[in-house]
Amino acid sequence: MFKSLGKNATQSRRQLARQTGISTSSVPRLTQAIARRDHHPESWVWETEDGRQWLRRLLAATLSPFGLTRGVGVETRSEFFTPRRLTPQVGCSPAALRGGMAVLEAALLETAGTWEKDGLAPGEGRASIGAVDATFFQRLMVVCIDLVSGDLVCEAVAEDRTSDTWYTLVEPRFKTLGTAVLSLVSDRAKALITLAETGLGCLRVPEVFPLTHALVTRSSWAILGRLSHARQA
């Protein structure tokens, strides 16, 4: 409708319907909707195909990192869109953004599943060096990544962190990927040690972060003592 009106704004209802393939009865409703959205100097941009594509990209680029990844509230995200004068173009209310989040999450999961199937070419399996840990955001999450590729193997909400819970979540993912686990990096939690040595039957590699912290702590005290004497001298 916008393209047709841009070519000739004085066309009749019947002419617009014939050019766009839209029913004659729907033409007035759509032209009125375009007029209601035309409140600001930049409004015409959002009616173009490139403008609508940019708006979809902006919506997804905002909802994905701030909503799905960092858990920023929908009220805050709504406040982000409203001052940018996008309310007539995009559903900016908290309820609309919740619906957009659900659609985006489903699309991301579907895309990830498709890429995973495409990437599982027969005979191309390799050994994985995994890393496991539990993180706390709004809920307890158990996370497993492949250190070689950086791919996220498993990320799931869990009620507890027992070895059985870890095995139930992690083992099927490695099996689906057709990947043997060469070793598993973890802290000294008993459940993670059991997961590696008993569940997955692989070598457990200790995390280097606690060791690095211990080394730095011990050496820093020695250096600090000499530095204090040097300053006094």
C-alpha atoms as a PDB file:
ATOM      1  CA  MET A   1       0.000   0.000   0.000  1.00  0.00           C
ATOM      2  CA  PHE A   2       2.762   2.451   0.895  1.00  0.00           C
ATOM      3  CA  LYS A   3       4.627   1.787  -2.352  1.00  0.00           C
ATOM      4  CA  SER A   4       1.492   2.232  -4.410  1.00  0.00           C
ATOM      5  CA  LEU A   5       0.593   5.461  -2.655  1.00  0.00           C
ATOM      6  CA  GLY A   6       4.150   6.687  -3.123  1.00  0.00           C
ATOM      7  CA  LYS A   7       3.854   6.275  -6.886  1.00  0.00           C
ATOM      8  CA  ASN A   8       0.486   8.007  -7.092  1.00  0.00           C
ATOM      9  CA  ALA A   9      -1.188   9.353  -3.966  1.00  0.00           C
ATOM     10  CA  THR A  10      -4.435  10.228  -5.790  1.00  0.00           C
ATOM     11  CA  GLN A  11      -5.371   6.701  -6.858  1.00  0.00           C
ATOM     12  CA  SER A  12      -8.864   5.456  -6.236  1.00  0.00           C
ATOM     13  CA  ARG A  13      -9.726   2.637  -3.875  1.00  0.00           C
ATOM     14  CA  ARG A  14     -10.307   0.284  -6.800  1.00  0.00           C
ATOM     15  CA  GLN A  15      -6.968   1.168  -8.424  1.00  0.00           C
ATOM     16  CA  LEU A  16      -5.066   0.578  -5.179  1.00  0.00           C
ATOM     17  CA  ALA A  17      -6.799  -2.765  -4.697  1.00  0.00           C
ATOM     18  CA  ARG A  18      -5.920  -3.831  -8.245  1.00  0.00           C
ATOM     19  CA  GLN A  19      -2.232  -2.873  -7.858  1.00  0.00           C
ATOM     20  CA  THR A  20      -1.711  -4.456  -4.437  1.00  0.00           C
ATOM     21  CA  GLY A  21      -3.961  -7.494  -4.683  1.00  0.00           C
ATOM     22  CA  ILE A  22      -5.739  -6.381  -1.497  1.00  0.00           C
ATOM     23  CA  SER A  23      -9.522  -6.435  -1.329  1.00  0.00           C
ATOM     24  CA  THR A  24     -11.286  -3.159  -2.036  1.00  0.00           C
ATOM     25  CA  SER A  25     -12.919  -3.149   1.387  1.00  0.00           C
ATOM     26  CA  SER A  26      -9.530  -3.390   3.131  1.00  0.00           C
ATOM     27  CA  VAL A  27      -7.921  -0.467   1.295  1.00  0.00           C
ATOM     28  CA  PRO A  28      -9.448   2.324   3.491  1.00  0.00           C
ATOM     29  CA  ARG A  29      -8.515   0.542   6.721  1.00  0.00           C
ATOM     30  CA  LEU A  30      -4.882   0.110   5.614  1.00  0.00           C
ATOM     31  CA  THR A  31      -4.499   3.669   4.330  1.00  0.00           C
ATOM     32  CA  GLN A  32      -5.923   4.991   7.596  1.00  0.00           C
ATOM     33  CA  ALA A  33      -3.470   2.825   9.556  1.00  0.00           C
ATOM     34  CA  ILE A  34      -0.562   4.285   7.561  1.00  0.00           C
ATOM     35  CA  ALA A  35      -1.869   7.795   8.261  1.00  0.00           C
ATOM     36  CA  ARG A  36      -2.115   7.075  12.014  1.00  0.00           C
ATOM     37  CA  ARG A  37       1.519   5.940  12.066  1.00  0.00           C
ATOM     38  CA  ASP A  38       2.715   9.058  10.238  1.00  0.00           C
ATOM     39  CA  HIS A  39       3.305  11.217  13.326  1.00  0.00           C
ATOM     40  CA  HIS A  40       7.001  12.048  13.049  1.00  0.00           C
ATOM     41  CA  PRO A  41       9.401  13.152  10.267  1.00  0.00           C
ATOM     42  CA  GLU A  42      11.068   9.726  10.182  1.00  0.00           C
ATOM     43  CA  SER A  43       7.819   7.736  10.165  1.00  0.00           C
ATOM     44  CA  TRP A  44       7.828   7.203   6.406  1.00  0.00           C
ATOM     45  CA  VAL A  45      11.114   5.249   6.686  1.00  0.00           C
ATOM     46  CA  TRP A  46       9.465   2.505   8.745  1.00  0.00           C
ATOM     47  CA  GLU A  47       6.831   1.957   6.035  1.00  0.00           C
ATOM     48  CA  THR A  48       9.456   0.938   3.478  1.00  0.00           C
ATOM     49  CA  GLU A  49      10.671  -2.636   3.120  1.00  0.00           C
ATOM     50  CA  ASP A  50      14.177  -1.699   4.301  1.00  0.00           C
ATOM     51  CA  GLY A  51      12.714   0.208   7.236  1.00  0.00           C
ATOM     52  CA  ARG A  52      10.537  -2.705   8.374  1.00  0.00           C
ATOM     53  CA  GLN A  53      13.503  -5.048   8.098  1.00  0.00           C
ATOM     54  CA  TRP A  54      15.580  -2.666  10.236  1.00  0.00           C
ATOM     55  CA  LEU A  55      12.843  -2.539  12.869  1.00  0.00           C
ATOM     56  CA  ARG A  56      12.722  -6.336  13.056  1.00  0.00           C
ATOM     57  CA  ARG A  57      16.487  -6.399  13.441  1.00  0.00           C
ATOM     58  CA  LEU A  58      16.350  -3.757  16.188  1.00  0.00           C
ATOM     59  CA  LEU A  59      13.661  -5.684  18.045  1.00  0.00           C
ATOM     60  CA  ALA A  60      15.559  -8.975  17.899  1.00  0.00           C
ATOM     61  CA  ALA A  61      18.904  -7.327  18.708  1.00  0.00           C
ATOM     62  CA  THR A  62      17.342  -5.783  21.827  1.00  0.00           C
ATOM     63  CA  LEU A  63      15.306  -8.727  23.080  1.00  0.00           C
ATOM     64  CA  SER A  64      17.996 -11.359  22.612  1.00  0.00           C
ATOM     65  CA  PRO A  65      20.935  -9.997  24.678  1.00  0.00           C
ATOM     66  CA  PHE A  66      18.947  -8.003  27.243  1.00  0.00           C
ATOM     67  CA  GLY A  67      15.961 -10.333  27.598  1.00  0.00           C
ATOM     68  CA  LEU A  68      17.074 -13.892  26.893  1.00  0.00           C
ATOM     69  CA  THR A  69      20.716 -13.550  27.961  1.00  0.00           C
ATOM     70  CA  ARG A  70      20.706 -11.035  30.823  1.00  0.00           C
ATOM     71  CA  GLY A  71      17.120 -11.168  32.033  1.00  0.00           C
ATOM     72  CA  VAL A  72      16.370  -7.444  31.866  1.00  0.00           C
ATOM     73  CA  GLY A  73      12.700  -6.828  32.728  1.00  0.00           C
ATOM     74  CA  VAL A  74      10.111  -6.152  30.029  1.00  0.00           C
ATOM     75  CA  GLU A  75       9.181  -2.822  31.657  1.00  0.00           C
ATOM     76  CA  THR A  76      12.753  -1.594  31.194  1.00  0.00           C
ATOM     77  CA  ARG A  77      12.838  -2.788  27.594  1.00  0.00           C
ATOM     78  CA  SER A  78       9.515  -1.064  26.969  1.00  0.00           C
ATOM     79  CA  GLU A  79      11.006   2.173  28.283  1.00  0.00           C
ATOM     80  CA  PHE A  80      13.872   1.743  25.812  1.00  0.00           C
ATOM     81  CA  PHE A  81      11.564   1.623  22.773  1.00  0.00           C
ATOM     82  CA  THR A  82       9.020   4.281  23.765  1.00  0.00           C
ATOM     83  CA  PRO A  83      11.293   7.409  23.700  1.00  0.00           C
ATOM     84  CA  ARG A  84      12.479   6.374  20.230  1.00  0.00           C
ATOM     85  CA  ARG A  85       8.966   7.070  18.920  1.00  0.00           C
ATOM     86  CA  LEU A  86       8.477   3.493  17.731  1.00  0.00           C
ATOM     87  CA  THR A  87       5.194   2.830  19.535  1.00  0.00           C
ATOM     88  CA  PRO A  88       3.033   3.286  16.382  1.00  0.00           C
ATOM     89  CA  GLN A  89       5.310   0.914  14.463  1.00  0.00           C
ATOM     90  CA  VAL A  90       6.256  -1.801  16.967  1.00  0.00           C
ATOM     91  CA  GLY A  91       4.410  -3.385  19.888  1.00  0.00           C
ATOM     92  CA  CYS A  92       6.342  -1.766  22.745  1.00  0.00           C
ATOM     93  CA  SER A  93       4.113  -2.620  25.703  1.00  0.00           C
ATOM     94  CA  PRO A  94       5.397  -5.172  28.257  1.00  0.00           C
ATOM     95  CA  ALA A  95       2.754  -7.683  27.115  1.00  0.00           C
ATOM     96  CA  ALA A  96       3.757  -7.289  23.454  1.00  0.00           C
ATOM     97  CA  LEU A  97       7.439  -7.690  24.295  1.00  0.00           C
ATOM     98  CA  ARG A  98       6.697 -10.877  26.254  1.00  0.00           C
ATOM     99  CA  GLY A  99       5.014 -12.264  23.146  1.00  0.00           C
ATOM    100  CA  GLY A 100       7.980 -11.228  21.028  1.00  0.00           C
ATOM    101  CA  MET A 101      10.335 -12.960  23.453  1.00  0.00           C
ATOM    102  CA  ALA A 102       8.413 -16.223  23.116  1.00  0.00           C
ATOM    103  CA  VAL A 103       8.536 -16.038  19.314  1.00  0.00           C
ATOM    104  CA  LEU A 104      12.240 -15.170  19.303  1.00  0.00           C
ATOM    105  CA  GLU A 105      13.133 -17.950  21.728  1.00  0.00           C
ATOM    106  CA  ALA A 106      11.289 -20.535  19.630  1.00  0.00           C
ATOM    107  CA  ALA A 107      13.005 -19.293  16.466  1.00  0.00           C
ATOM    108  CA  LEU A 108      16.453 -19.456  18.078  1.00  0.00           C
ATOM    109  CA  LEU A 109      15.895 -23.005  19.304  1.00  0.00           C
ATOM    110  CA  GLU A 110      14.601 -24.100  15.895  1.00  0.00           C
ATOM    111  CA  THR A 111      17.563 -22.507  14.122  1.00  0.00           C
ATOM    112  CA  ALA A 112      20.064 -24.054  16.532  1.00  0.00           C
ATOM    113  CA  GLY A 113      18.477 -27.480  16.041  1.00  0.00           C
ATOM    114  CA  THR A 114      18.661 -27.146  12.252  1.00  0.00           C
ATOM    115  CA  TRP A 115      22.309 -26.056  12.320  1.00  0.00           C
ATOM    116  CA  GLU A 116      23.139 -28.898  14.670  1.00  0.00           C
ATOM    117  CA  LYS A 117      21.624 -31.483  12.308  1.00  0.00           C
ATOM    118  CA  ASP A 118      23.417 -29.961   9.326  1.00  0.00           C
ATOM    119  CA  GLY A 119      26.706 -29.994  11.215  1.00  0.00           C
ATOM    120  CA  LEU A 120      26.513 -33.677  12.127  1.00  0.00           C
ATOM    121  CA  ALA A 121      28.008 -35.035   8.911  1.00  0.00           C
ATOM    122  CA  PRO A 122      28.603 -38.817   9.080  1.00  0.00           C
ATOM    123  CA  GLY A 123      32.131 -39.778  10.016  1.00  0.00           C
ATOM    124  CA  GLU A 124      33.173 -36.312  11.164  1.00  0.00           C
ATOM    125  CA  GLY A 125      32.872 -36.861  14.910  1.00  0.00           C
ATOM    126  CA  ARG A 126      35.783 -35.842  17.123  1.00  0.00           C
ATOM    127  CA  ALA A 127      36.731 -36.039  20.758  1.00  0.00           C
ATOM    128  CA  SER A 128      35.532 -33.171  22.933  1.00  0.00           C
ATOM    129  CA  ILE A 129      37.212 -31.405  25.820  1.00  0.00           C
ATOM    130  CA  GLY A 130      34.284 -30.290  27.928  1.00  0.00           C
ATOM    131  CA  ALA A 131      33.932 -27.851  30.782  1.00  0.00           C
ATOM    132  CA  VAL A 132      31.086 -27.952  33.302  1.00  0.00           C
ATOM    133  CA  ASP A 133      29.895 -25.581  35.992  1.00  0.00           C
ATOM    134  CA  ALA A 134      26.732 -24.336  37.659  1.00  0.00           C
ATOM    135  CA  THR A 135      25.643 -20.709  37.502  1.00  0.00           C
ATOM    136  CA  PHE A 136      22.996 -18.813  39.415  1.00  0.00           C
ATOM    137  CA  PHE A 137      20.852 -16.168  37.731  1.00  0.00           C
ATOM    138  CA  GLN A 138      17.160 -16.206  38.557  1.00  0.00           C
ATOM    139  CA  ARG A 139      17.402 -20.003  38.767  1.00  0.00           C
ATOM    140  CA  LEU A 140      20.116 -22.611  39.030  1.00  0.00           C
ATOM    141  CA  MET A 141      21.571 -23.426  35.600  1.00  0.00           C
ATOM    142  CA  VAL A 142      23.946 -26.263  34.747  1.00  0.00           C
ATOM    143  CA  VAL A 143      26.199 -25.434  31.819  1.00  0.00           C
ATOM    144  CA  CYS A 144      28.532 -27.533  29.672  1.00  0.00           C
ATOM    145  CA  ILE A 145      30.641 -26.142  26.824  1.00  0.00           C
ATOM    146  CA  ASP A 146      33.128 -27.590  24.361  1.00  0.00           C
ATOM    147  CA  LEU A 147      36.450 -25.842  24.987  1.00  0.00           C
ATOM    148  CA  VAL A 148      37.818 -26.587  21.514  1.00  0.00           C
ATOM    149  CA  SER A 149      35.038 -24.893  19.551  1.00  0.00           C
ATOM    150  CA  GLY A 150      33.425 -22.792  22.277  1.00  0.00           C
ATOM    151  CA  ASP A 151      30.039 -24.337  21.437  1.00  0.00           C
ATOM    152  CA  LEU A 152      27.410 -24.577  24.142  1.00  0.00           C
ATOM    153  CA  VAL A 153      26.724 -28.284  24.632  1.00  0.00           C
ATOM    154  CA  CYS A 154      24.121 -28.002  27.379  1.00  0.00           C
ATOM    155  CA  GLU A 155      22.432 -25.229  29.329  1.00  0.00           C
ATOM    156  CA  ALA A 156      19.477 -26.273  31.437  1.00  0.00           C
ATOM    157  CA  VAL A 157      17.592 -25.314  34.580  1.00  0.00           C
ATOM    158  CA  ALA A 158      18.130 -27.837  37.372  1.00  0.00           C
ATOM    159  CA  GLU A 159      16.683 -28.307  40.824  1.00  0.00           C
ATOM    160  CA  ASP A 160      19.893 -29.794  42.197  1.00  0.00           C
ATOM    161  CA  ARG A 161      23.507 -30.432  41.223  1.00  0.00           C
ATOM    162  CA  THR A 162      23.869 -34.153  41.909  1.00  0.00           C
ATOM    163  CA  SER A 163      25.937 -36.333  39.606  1.00  0.00           C
ATOM    164  CA  ASP A 164      22.753 -38.044  38.372  1.00  0.00           C
ATOM    165  CA  THR A 165      21.298 -34.680  37.341  1.00  0.00           C
ATOM    166  CA  TRP A 166      24.475 -33.734  35.508  1.00  0.00           C
ATOM    167  CA  TYR A 167      24.685 -37.082  33.728  1.00  0.00           C
ATOM    168  CA  THR A 168      21.018 -37.030  32.690  1.00  0.00           C
ATOM    169  CA  LEU A 169      21.462 -33.627  31.060  1.00  0.00           C
ATOM    170  CA  VAL A 170      24.974 -33.825  29.621  1.00  0.00           C
ATOM    171  CA  GLU A 171      25.355 -37.416  28.381  1.00  0.00           C
ATOM    172  CA  PRO A 172      22.419 -37.332  25.892  1.00  0.00           C
ATOM    173  CA  ARG A 173      23.781 -34.123  24.372  1.00  0.00           C
ATOM    174  CA  PHE A 174      27.205 -35.626  23.686  1.00  0.00           C
ATOM    175  CA  LYS A 175      25.481 -38.735  22.335  1.00  0.00           C
ATOM    176  CA  THR A 176      23.309 -36.640  20.002  1.00  0.00           C
ATOM    177  CA  LEU A 177      26.386 -34.786  18.753  1.00  0.00           C
ATOM    178  CA  GLY A 178      28.187 -38.078  18.170  1.00  0.00           C
ATOM    179  CA  THR A 179      31.117 -36.822  20.231  1.00  0.00           C
ATOM    180  CA  ALA A 180      33.356 -38.795  22.543  1.00  0.00           C
ATOM    181  CA  VAL A 181      34.460 -36.935  25.675  1.00  0.00           C
ATOM    182  CA  LEU A 182      38.228 -36.890  25.976  1.00  0.00           C
ATOM    183  CA  SER A 183      38.353 -34.935  29.239  1.00  0.00           C
ATOM    184  CA  LEU A 184      36.187 -32.757  31.440  1.00  0.00           C
ATOM    185  CA  VAL A 185      37.334 -29.565  33.156  1.00  0.00           C
ATOM    186  CA  SER A 186      35.622 -28.780  36.457  1.00  0.00           C
ATOM    187  CA  ASP A 187      36.119 -27.612  40.005  1.00  0.00           C
ATOM    188  CA  ARG A 188      36.414 -30.086  42.898  1.00  0.00           C
ATOM    189  CA  ALA A 189      32.666 -30.586  43.389  1.00  0.00           C
ATOM    190  CA  LYS A 190      32.063 -34.281  44.091  1.00  0.00           C
ATOM    191  CA  ALA A 191      29.197 -34.437  41.606  1.00  0.00           C
ATOM    192  CA  LEU A 192      31.427 -33.180  38.777  1.00  0.00           C
ATOM    193  CA  ILE A 193      34.259 -35.539  39.681  1.00  0.00           C
ATOM    194  CA  THR A 194      31.781 -38.438  39.635  1.00  0.00           C
ATOM    195  CA  LEU A 195      30.343 -37.217  36.331  1.00  0.00           C
ATOM    196  CA  ALA A 196      33.744 -37.355  34.676  1.00  0.00           C
ATOM    197  CA  GLU A 197      35.269 -40.461  36.196  1.00  0.00           C
ATOM    198  CA  THR A 198      32.168 -42.655  36.592  1.00  0.00           C
ATOM    199  CA  GLY A 199      29.455 -41.209  34.362  1.00  0.00           C
ATOM    200  CA  LEU A 200      31.309 -40.201  31.186  1.00  0.00           C
ATOM    201  CA  GLY A 201      34.374 -42.344  31.893  1.00  0.00           C
ATOM    202  CA  CYS A 202      36.907 -39.671  30.988  1.00  0.00           C
ATOM    203  CA  LEU A 203      39.814 -37.809  32.542  1.00  0.00           C
ATOM    204  CA  ARG A 204      38.910 -34.971  34.889  1.00  0.00           C
ATOM    205  CA  VAL A 205      41.062 -31.868  34.525  1.00  0.00           C
ATOM    206  CA  PRO A 206      41.084 -29.398  37.451  1.00  0.00           C
ATOM    207  CA  GLU A 207      40.271 -25.754  36.818  1.00  0.00           C
ATOM    208  CA  VAL A 208      43.287 -23.477  36.673  1.00  0.00           C
ATOM    209  CA  PHE A 209      41.515 -20.403  38.058  1.00  0.00           C
ATOM    210  CA  PRO A 210      41.692 -21.420  41.758  1.00  0.00           C
ATOM    211  CA  LEU A 211      45.328 -22.475  41.254  1.00  0.00           C
ATOM    212  CA  THR A 212      46.164 -19.175  39.565  1.00  0.00           C
ATOM    213  CA  HIS A 213      44.526 -17.257  42.417  1.00  0.00           C
ATOM    214  CA  ALA A 214      46.492 -19.236  44.999  1.00  0.00           C
ATOM    215  CA  LEU A 215      49.795 -18.643  43.190  1.00  0.00           C
ATOM    216  CA  VAL A 216      49.131 -14.929  42.835  1.00  0.00           C
ATOM    217  CA  THR A 217      48.116 -14.642  46.494  1.00  0.00           C
ATOM    218  CA  ARG A 218      51.269 -16.356  47.761  1.00  0.00           C
ATOM    219  CA  SER A 219      53.635 -14.423  45.512  1.00  0.00           C
ATOM    220  CA  SER A 220      51.910 -11.082  46.114  1.00  0.00           C
ATOM    221  CA  TRP A 221      52.530 -11.225  49.863  1.00  0.00           C
ATOM    222  CA  ALA A 222      56.243 -11.807  49.302  1.00  0.00           C
ATOM    223  CA  ILE A 223      56.451  -8.997  46.750  1.00  0.00           C
ATOM    224  CA  LEU A 224      54.432  -6.660  48.968  1.00  0.00           C
ATOM    225  CA  GLY A 225      56.808  -7.230  51.898  1.00  0.00           C
ATOM    226  CA  ARG A 226      59.864  -6.332  49.811  1.00  0.00           C
ATOM    227  CA  LEU A 227      58.050  -3.349  48.320  1.00  0.00           C
ATOM    228  CA  SER A 228      57.199  -2.033  51.795  1.00  0.00           C
ATOM    229  CA  HIS A 229      60.860  -2.306  52.916  1.00  0.00           C
ATOM    230  CA  ALA A 230      61.975  -0.582  49.728  1.00  0.00           C
ATOM    231  CA  ARG A 231      59.590   2.315  50.294  1.00  0.00           C
ATOM    232  CA  GLN A 232      60.727   2.718  53.892  1.00  0.00           C
ATOM    233  CA  ALA A 233      64.360   2.717  52.790  1.00  0.00           C
END
